Protein backbone atom coordinates (compact mmCIF):
# COMPACT_ATOMS: atom_id res chain seq x y z
CA MET A 1 90.09 93.68 63.80
CA CYS A 2 88.10 93.49 67.18
CA SER A 3 84.79 92.20 67.50
CA LEU A 4 82.20 94.37 69.23
CA ALA A 5 82.04 91.90 72.32
CA ALA A 6 85.73 91.93 72.57
CA VAL A 7 86.08 95.71 73.15
CA LEU A 8 82.84 95.72 75.07
CA SER A 9 84.34 93.30 77.60
CA VAL A 10 87.57 95.37 77.78
CA ALA A 11 85.24 98.81 78.43
CA LEU A 12 83.29 96.98 81.02
CA SER A 13 86.05 95.15 82.70
CA SER A 14 88.30 98.81 82.67
CA ALA A 15 84.62 100.10 84.36
CA VAL A 16 84.72 97.70 87.08
CA PHE A 17 88.29 97.53 87.58
CA ALA A 18 88.27 101.14 88.17
CA ALA A 19 85.07 100.99 90.21
CA SER A 20 86.91 98.79 92.69
CA ASP A 21 89.45 101.52 93.56
CA ASP A 22 86.43 103.80 94.62
CA GLN A 23 85.26 101.62 96.54
CA ARG A 24 88.37 101.16 98.43
CA SER A 25 88.74 97.14 97.24
CA THR A 26 92.04 96.76 95.46
CA PRO A 27 93.80 93.57 93.80
CA LYS A 28 95.05 91.55 96.41
CA ASP A 29 95.99 88.16 93.88
CA VAL A 30 96.26 87.02 90.82
CA SER A 31 96.25 83.98 88.97
CA ILE A 32 96.52 82.26 85.75
CA ILE A 33 93.24 80.42 84.61
CA VAL A 34 95.15 77.86 82.30
CA VAL A 35 93.45 76.83 78.88
CA PRO A 36 94.99 74.85 76.29
CA SER A 37 97.71 76.22 74.12
CA GLN A 38 99.91 75.60 71.49
CA SER A 39 102.38 77.55 72.91
CA GLU A 40 105.49 75.57 73.36
CA GLY A 41 106.72 75.10 77.54
CA ARG A 42 104.31 77.93 78.84
CA LYS A 43 101.32 77.46 80.53
CA THR A 44 99.03 80.05 79.39
CA GLY A 45 95.59 81.10 79.95
CA ASN A 46 93.61 83.95 81.18
CA VAL A 47 94.08 86.56 84.04
CA LYS A 48 91.96 86.11 87.31
CA VAL A 49 92.19 89.01 89.94
CA THR A 50 90.73 88.63 93.52
CA PHE A 51 89.84 91.72 95.01
CA THR A 52 90.44 92.54 98.69
CA ASP A 53 86.74 92.56 99.27
CA GLY A 54 86.45 88.94 98.04
CA ARG A 55 85.05 89.43 94.76
CA THR A 56 86.98 88.15 91.62
CA GLU A 57 87.08 89.38 88.00
CA VAL A 58 88.63 87.50 84.93
CA LEU A 59 90.37 90.72 82.95
CA THR A 60 91.31 88.40 79.76
CA HIS A 61 89.43 86.14 77.50
CA THR A 62 92.45 85.66 75.12
CA GLY A 63 94.03 82.45 76.74
CA ASP A 64 97.46 83.81 75.79
CA CYS A 65 98.60 85.33 79.19
CA PHE A 66 100.97 84.06 82.15
CA ASP A 67 103.50 85.24 84.93
CA ALA A 68 100.45 87.42 86.48
CA LYS A 69 101.47 89.49 89.28
CA VAL A 70 99.98 92.20 91.91
CA SER A 71 101.88 95.06 92.95
CA PRO A 72 101.67 96.08 96.91
CA ASN A 73 99.57 99.12 95.41
CA GLY A 74 97.09 96.75 93.36
CA ASN A 75 98.27 97.39 89.82
CA VAL A 76 97.94 94.07 88.12
CA GLY A 77 100.36 93.04 84.91
CA TRP A 78 101.08 90.03 83.22
CA ILE A 79 103.02 88.60 80.25
CA GLN A 80 100.52 88.36 76.94
CA SER A 81 102.66 85.62 74.81
CA ALA A 82 103.78 86.37 71.33
CA LYS A 83 101.53 84.52 68.51
CA MET A 84 103.40 81.18 67.86
CA GLU A 85 102.67 79.49 64.08
CA ARG A 86 103.86 76.16 63.14
CA LEU A 87 105.87 77.02 59.44
CA THR A 88 105.62 74.25 56.90
CA ASP A 89 107.95 73.45 53.90
CA ASN A 90 106.98 74.08 50.41
CA GLN A 91 105.39 70.84 50.28
CA GLY A 92 103.17 71.62 52.90
CA VAL A 93 104.72 69.47 55.95
CA PRO A 94 104.53 71.32 58.98
CA TYR A 95 108.20 71.69 60.82
CA ALA A 96 108.40 70.37 64.51
CA LYS A 97 109.14 73.79 66.23
CA MET A 98 106.72 76.91 66.20
CA VAL A 99 108.10 80.63 65.44
CA ALA A 100 106.70 83.98 66.81
CA VAL A 101 105.04 85.79 64.38
CA ASN A 102 104.82 88.88 66.65
CA LYS A 103 106.50 89.72 70.46
CA ASP A 104 105.66 89.30 73.91
CA SER A 105 104.29 92.18 75.82
CA LEU A 106 103.71 93.11 79.83
CA VAL A 107 100.38 94.33 80.20
CA VAL A 108 99.57 96.28 83.41
CA ARG A 109 96.18 97.30 84.43
CA LEU A 110 96.33 100.27 86.65
CA LEU A 111 94.25 100.76 89.56
CA ASN A 112 92.39 103.59 87.63
CA GLY A 113 91.31 100.92 84.88
CA LYS A 114 93.68 102.07 82.09
CA THR A 115 95.73 99.73 80.74
CA ARG A 116 99.69 99.92 79.31
CA LYS A 117 101.80 97.51 77.02
CA PHE A 118 105.37 97.54 77.68
CA PRO A 119 107.38 95.42 74.99
CA PRO A 120 110.75 93.49 75.09
CA LEU A 121 113.76 95.95 74.59
CA GLY A 122 114.95 96.22 70.75
CA GLU A 123 114.64 92.97 68.49
CA ASN A 124 114.10 90.76 71.44
CA THR A 125 110.80 88.82 71.32
CA PHE A 126 110.32 87.31 74.65
CA ILE A 127 110.03 88.58 78.15
CA VAL A 128 111.72 86.04 80.43
CA ASN A 129 111.04 87.76 83.70
CA TRP A 130 109.64 90.95 85.14
CA ARG A 131 108.77 92.84 88.00
CA PHE A 132 107.44 95.99 89.50
CA GLY A 133 110.09 98.49 91.15
CA ASP A 134 110.29 102.02 92.68
CA ASP A 135 107.22 101.58 94.71
CA ASP A 136 105.06 101.20 91.73
CA LYS A 137 106.95 103.76 89.35
CA THR A 138 108.27 101.48 87.37
CA VAL A 139 108.30 97.94 85.72
CA ILE A 140 111.40 96.12 84.88
CA LEU A 141 111.54 93.71 82.38
CA ARG A 142 114.27 90.87 81.07
CA SER A 143 113.96 89.57 77.53
CA MET A 144 115.58 87.74 75.02
CA GLY A 145 115.33 86.16 71.59
CA TYR A 146 115.69 82.83 70.91
CA HIS A 147 119.39 82.61 71.63
CA GLY A 148 121.87 84.89 73.03
CA PRO A 149 122.09 87.36 76.29
CA SER A 150 119.37 88.65 78.09
CA SER A 151 118.36 92.72 78.03
CA PHE A 152 116.67 94.46 80.70
CA VAL A 153 114.67 97.68 80.43
CA GLN A 154 113.12 100.05 82.69
CA TYR A 155 109.92 101.55 82.07
CA ASP A 156 108.06 104.58 83.63
CA LEU A 157 104.74 103.26 84.53
CA ALA A 158 102.77 106.22 84.22
CA SER A 159 104.62 107.79 80.88
CA GLY A 160 105.21 104.14 79.31
CA LYS A 161 108.26 105.65 78.46
CA VAL A 162 112.03 104.00 78.74
CA ILE A 163 114.02 105.20 81.96
CA ASP A 164 116.98 102.82 81.04
CA SER A 165 118.15 99.79 79.65
CA ARG A 166 121.03 97.30 78.88
CA GLY A 167 121.09 95.23 76.14
CA ASN A 168 122.29 94.13 72.44
CA GLY A 169 125.16 92.40 73.94
CA TYR A 170 126.32 90.81 77.00
CA THR A 171 126.19 92.84 80.12
CA PRO A 172 128.22 91.09 83.17
CA TYR A 173 126.53 90.83 86.24
CA ALA A 174 128.96 93.04 88.04
CA GLU A 175 128.11 95.99 85.68
CA LEU A 176 124.29 95.76 85.63
CA PRO A 177 122.30 98.26 87.47
CA ALA A 178 120.37 97.61 91.10
CA TRP A 179 117.27 97.96 89.17
CA ALA A 180 117.95 95.16 86.62
CA LYS A 181 120.12 92.62 89.32
CA PRO A 182 116.87 91.18 90.54
CA LEU A 183 116.02 89.37 87.63
CA ALA A 184 119.21 88.20 86.87
CA ASP A 185 120.38 86.47 89.63
CA ASP A 186 121.13 83.60 87.53
CA LEU A 187 123.38 85.29 85.53
CA ARG A 188 125.78 85.67 88.00
CA ASP A 189 129.43 85.25 87.25
């Protein structure tokens, strides 16, 4: 359940973000303010946006965000990390590794202040990489589970619907569609 403060923070942030468009000030840069995390191997934190008028705004306060990007048109996106927990054995002794209890999600704050969330493809848990595509009309995600091949999904930014995907099995680089290849360059045969 969300606290009233969290709801008001999101509503205020949306209103301020949308107002920036009316004033012709759009996001020009985005960064992560790193906070201590229990996430293994990822530096996570809160999303900070710098607008063209020099103003800055922190969009998140959960400390679980990474890989923030701003599109040429001013939409801002970031990956919200899966919640990780350390499991214990039946004696209460913690295991060395942590496990995800949910999935990563790509969060995109549109210029009008609305927010959209995009999940990894299928049963995948982690978003490995992502980008804006087609002049800000799509977002493209590369995702995977703990092991195995990567999957790729292309979402329509306006509707949130899947346009195309490749996954649930290995797809050779040569057989990937053009929209997926920029995220798969390290997979070239």
